[in-house]
Protein backbone atom coordinates (compact mmCIF):
# COMPACT_ATOMS: atom_id res chain seq x y z
CA UNK A 1 0.00 0.00 0.00
CA UNK A 2 1.20 3.43 -0.78
CA UNK A 3 1.28 6.28 1.69
CA UNK A 4 -1.61 8.02 -0.06
CA UNK A 5 -3.74 4.87 0.13
CA UNK A 6 -2.96 4.56 3.82
CA UNK A 7 -3.94 8.19 4.39
CA UNK A 8 -7.19 7.66 2.49
CA UNK A 9 -7.93 4.51 4.50
CA UNK A 10 -7.13 6.38 7.72
CA UNK A 11 -9.57 9.19 6.81
CA UNK A 12 -12.30 6.68 5.99
CA UNK A 13 -11.77 4.82 9.26
CA UNK A 14 -11.68 8.07 11.22
CA UNK A 15 -14.93 9.19 9.63
CA UNK A 16 -16.62 5.86 10.41
CA UNK A 17 -15.29 5.98 13.96
CA UNK A 18 -16.75 9.46 14.44
CA UNK A 19 -20.11 8.32 13.02
CA UNK A 20 -20.14 5.34 15.37
CA UNK A 21 -19.22 7.54 18.31
CA UNK A 22 -22.03 9.99 17.51
CA UNK A 23 -24.48 7.10 17.17
CA UNK A 24 -23.35 5.74 20.56
CA UNK A 25 -23.97 9.17 22.11
CA UNK A 26 -27.42 9.32 20.52
CA UNK A 27 -28.27 5.85 21.85
CA UNK A 28 -27.00 6.75 25.33
CA UNK A 29 -29.15 9.90 25.36
CA UNK A 30 -32.21 7.98 24.21
CA UNK A 31 -31.57 5.34 26.88
CA UNK A 32 -31.44 8.05 29.55
CA UNK A 33 -34.71 9.52 28.25
CA UNK A 34 -36.44 6.13 28.33
CA UNK A 35 -35.05 5.46 31.82
CA UNK A 36 -36.53 8.75 33.05
CA UNK A 37 -39.91 7.94 31.51
CA UNK A 38 -39.83 4.50 33.16
CA UNK A 39 -38.96 6.02 36.53
CA UNK A 40 -41.75 8.59 36.16
CA UNK A 41 -44.37 6.10 34.92
CA UNK A 42 -46.26 5.84 38.23
CA UNK A 43 -46.38 9.63 38.49
CA UNK A 44 -47.45 10.00 34.85
CA UNK A 45 -50.21 7.38 35.24
CA UNK A 46 -51.46 8.99 38.44
CA UNK A 47 -51.63 12.39 36.70
CA UNK A 48 -53.49 10.84 33.75
CA UNK A 49 -55.97 9.17 36.11
CA UNK A 50 -56.54 12.45 37.94
CA UNK A 51 -57.00 14.33 34.68
CA UNK A 52 -59.43 11.69 33.38
CA UNK A 53 -61.43 11.83 36.61
CA UNK A 54 -61.54 15.63 36.53
CA UNK A 55 -62.68 15.75 32.91
CA UNK A 56 -65.25 12.94 33.06
CA UNK A 57 -66.36 13.48 36.67
CA UNK A 58 -66.30 9.68 37.11
CA UNK A 59 -65.18 8.11 40.36
CA UNK A 60 -63.62 4.61 40.55
CA UNK A 61 -67.02 3.02 41.28
CA UNK A 62 -68.51 4.62 38.16
CA UNK A 63 -65.59 3.42 36.03
CA UNK A 64 -66.01 -0.15 37.33
CA UNK A 65 -69.71 -0.03 36.50
CA UNK A 66 -68.93 1.29 33.03
CA UNK A 67 -66.48 -1.54 32.32
CA UNK A 68 -68.91 -4.19 33.57
CA UNK A 69 -71.70 -2.73 31.44
CA UNK A 70 -69.42 -2.66 28.41
CA UNK A 71 -68.37 -6.28 29.00
CA UNK A 72 -72.01 -7.35 29.25
CA UNK A 73 -72.84 -5.58 26.00
CA UNK A 74 -69.95 -7.35 24.26
CA UNK A 75 -71.11 -10.72 25.58
CA UNK A 76 -74.68 -9.96 24.43
CA UNK A 77 -73.46 -8.89 21.00
CA UNK A 78 -71.54 -12.11 20.44
CA UNK A 79 -74.03 -14.50 21.98
CA UNK A 80 -77.26 -13.18 20.45
CA UNK A 81 -76.43 -14.47 16.93
CA UNK A 82 -75.64 -17.86 18.42
CA UNK A 83 -78.97 -17.97 20.28
CA UNK A 84 -80.98 -16.98 17.20
CA UNK A 85 -79.59 -19.97 15.26
CA UNK A 86 -80.86 -22.49 17.81
C-alpha atoms as a PDB file:
ATOM      1  CA  UNK A   1       0.000   0.000   0.000  1.00  0.00           C
ATOM      2  CA  UNK A   2       1.196   3.435  -0.784  1.00  0.00           C
ATOM      3  CA  UNK A   3       1.280   6.277   1.695  1.00  0.00           C
ATOM      4  CA  UNK A   4      -1.612   8.022  -0.064  1.00  0.00           C
ATOM      5  CA  UNK A   5      -3.736   4.870   0.129  1.00  0.00           C
ATOM      6  CA  UNK A   6      -2.964   4.558   3.816  1.00  0.00           C
ATOM      7  CA  UNK A   7      -3.942   8.186   4.387  1.00  0.00           C
ATOM      8  CA  UNK A   8      -7.186   7.658   2.487  1.00  0.00           C
ATOM      9  CA  UNK A   9      -7.933   4.506   4.504  1.00  0.00           C
ATOM     10  CA  UNK A  10      -7.134   6.379   7.723  1.00  0.00           C
ATOM     11  CA  UNK A  11      -9.568   9.186   6.809  1.00  0.00           C
ATOM     12  CA  UNK A  12     -12.301   6.678   5.993  1.00  0.00           C
ATOM     13  CA  UNK A  13     -11.775   4.817   9.256  1.00  0.00           C
ATOM     14  CA  UNK A  14     -11.678   8.071  11.222  1.00  0.00           C
ATOM     15  CA  UNK A  15     -14.935   9.192   9.629  1.00  0.00           C
ATOM     16  CA  UNK A  16     -16.623   5.861  10.410  1.00  0.00           C
ATOM     17  CA  UNK A  17     -15.285   5.980  13.958  1.00  0.00           C
ATOM     18  CA  UNK A  18     -16.751   9.458  14.440  1.00  0.00           C
ATOM     19  CA  UNK A  19     -20.108   8.321  13.018  1.00  0.00           C
ATOM     20  CA  UNK A  20     -20.137   5.335  15.367  1.00  0.00           C
ATOM     21  CA  UNK A  21     -19.219   7.539  18.307  1.00  0.00           C
ATOM     22  CA  UNK A  22     -22.034   9.992  17.508  1.00  0.00           C
ATOM     23  CA  UNK A  23     -24.483   7.096  17.174  1.00  0.00           C
ATOM     24  CA  UNK A  24     -23.349   5.741  20.556  1.00  0.00           C
ATOM     25  CA  UNK A  25     -23.966   9.171  22.115  1.00  0.00           C
ATOM     26  CA  UNK A  26     -27.421   9.318  20.519  1.00  0.00           C
ATOM     27  CA  UNK A  27     -28.273   5.850  21.846  1.00  0.00           C
ATOM     28  CA  UNK A  28     -27.003   6.752  25.327  1.00  0.00           C
ATOM     29  CA  UNK A  29     -29.152   9.900  25.362  1.00  0.00           C
ATOM     30  CA  UNK A  30     -32.213   7.975  24.208  1.00  0.00           C
ATOM     31  CA  UNK A  31     -31.567   5.345  26.882  1.00  0.00           C
ATOM     32  CA  UNK A  32     -31.438   8.052  29.551  1.00  0.00           C
ATOM     33  CA  UNK A  33     -34.707   9.518  28.250  1.00  0.00           C
ATOM     34  CA  UNK A  34     -36.436   6.128  28.332  1.00  0.00           C
ATOM     35  CA  UNK A  35     -35.055   5.456  31.816  1.00  0.00           C
ATOM     36  CA  UNK A  36     -36.527   8.746  33.051  1.00  0.00           C
ATOM     37  CA  UNK A  37     -39.909   7.937  31.513  1.00  0.00           C
ATOM     38  CA  UNK A  38     -39.832   4.501  33.162  1.00  0.00           C
ATOM     39  CA  UNK A  39     -38.965   6.020  36.527  1.00  0.00           C
ATOM     40  CA  UNK A  40     -41.751   8.587  36.162  1.00  0.00           C
ATOM     41  CA  UNK A  41     -44.367   6.101  34.920  1.00  0.00           C
ATOM     42  CA  UNK A  42     -46.263   5.835  38.234  1.00  0.00           C
ATOM     43  CA  UNK A  43     -46.383   9.630  38.491  1.00  0.00           C
ATOM     44  CA  UNK A  44     -47.454   9.997  34.847  1.00  0.00           C
ATOM     45  CA  UNK A  45     -50.214   7.377  35.243  1.00  0.00           C
ATOM     46  CA  UNK A  46     -51.459   8.993  38.438  1.00  0.00           C
ATOM     47  CA  UNK A  47     -51.625  12.386  36.705  1.00  0.00           C
ATOM     48  CA  UNK A  48     -53.489  10.843  33.754  1.00  0.00           C
ATOM     49  CA  UNK A  49     -55.975   9.167  36.112  1.00  0.00           C
ATOM     50  CA  UNK A  50     -56.543  12.449  37.939  1.00  0.00           C
ATOM     51  CA  UNK A  51     -56.997  14.327  34.677  1.00  0.00           C
ATOM     52  CA  UNK A  52     -59.431  11.693  33.379  1.00  0.00           C
ATOM     53  CA  UNK A  53     -61.427  11.827  36.613  1.00  0.00           C
ATOM     54  CA  UNK A  54     -61.536  15.628  36.528  1.00  0.00           C
ATOM     55  CA  UNK A  55     -62.680  15.751  32.910  1.00  0.00           C
ATOM     56  CA  UNK A  56     -65.247  12.938  33.056  1.00  0.00           C
ATOM     57  CA  UNK A  57     -66.360  13.476  36.670  1.00  0.00           C
ATOM     58  CA  UNK A  58     -66.302   9.679  37.113  1.00  0.00           C
ATOM     59  CA  UNK A  59     -65.179   8.110  40.364  1.00  0.00           C
ATOM     60  CA  UNK A  60     -63.625   4.609  40.553  1.00  0.00           C
ATOM     61  CA  UNK A  61     -67.021   3.024  41.282  1.00  0.00           C
ATOM     62  CA  UNK A  62     -68.512   4.621  38.157  1.00  0.00           C
ATOM     63  CA  UNK A  63     -65.592   3.422  36.034  1.00  0.00           C
ATOM     64  CA  UNK A  64     -66.006  -0.146  37.328  1.00  0.00           C
ATOM     65  CA  UNK A  65     -69.714  -0.029  36.498  1.00  0.00           C
ATOM     66  CA  UNK A  66     -68.926   1.295  33.026  1.00  0.00           C
ATOM     67  CA  UNK A  67     -66.477  -1.542  32.316  1.00  0.00           C
ATOM     68  CA  UNK A  68     -68.912  -4.193  33.569  1.00  0.00           C
ATOM     69  CA  UNK A  69     -71.697  -2.732  31.441  1.00  0.00           C
ATOM     70  CA  UNK A  70     -69.419  -2.662  28.414  1.00  0.00           C
ATOM     71  CA  UNK A  71     -68.370  -6.276  29.002  1.00  0.00           C
ATOM     72  CA  UNK A  72     -72.014  -7.351  29.250  1.00  0.00           C
ATOM     73  CA  UNK A  73     -72.839  -5.575  26.002  1.00  0.00           C
ATOM     74  CA  UNK A  74     -69.950  -7.352  24.259  1.00  0.00           C
ATOM     75  CA  UNK A  75     -71.109 -10.721  25.577  1.00  0.00           C
ATOM     76  CA  UNK A  76     -74.678  -9.959  24.435  1.00  0.00           C
ATOM     77  CA  UNK A  77     -73.458  -8.891  20.999  1.00  0.00           C
ATOM     78  CA  UNK A  78     -71.538 -12.110  20.439  1.00  0.00           C
ATOM     79  CA  UNK A  79     -74.028 -14.498  21.979  1.00  0.00           C
ATOM     80  CA  UNK A  80     -77.256 -13.177  20.454  1.00  0.00           C
ATOM     81  CA  UNK A  81     -76.432 -14.466  16.931  1.00  0.00           C
ATOM     82  CA  UNK A  82     -75.637 -17.861  18.416  1.00  0.00           C
ATOM     83  CA  UNK A  83     -78.965 -17.966  20.281  1.00  0.00           C
ATOM     84  CA  UNK A  84     -80.976 -16.984  17.201  1.00  0.00           C
ATOM     85  CA  UNK A  85     -79.590 -19.974  15.261  1.00  0.00           C
ATOM     86  CA  UNK A  86     -80.865 -22.489  17.812  1.00  0.00           C
END
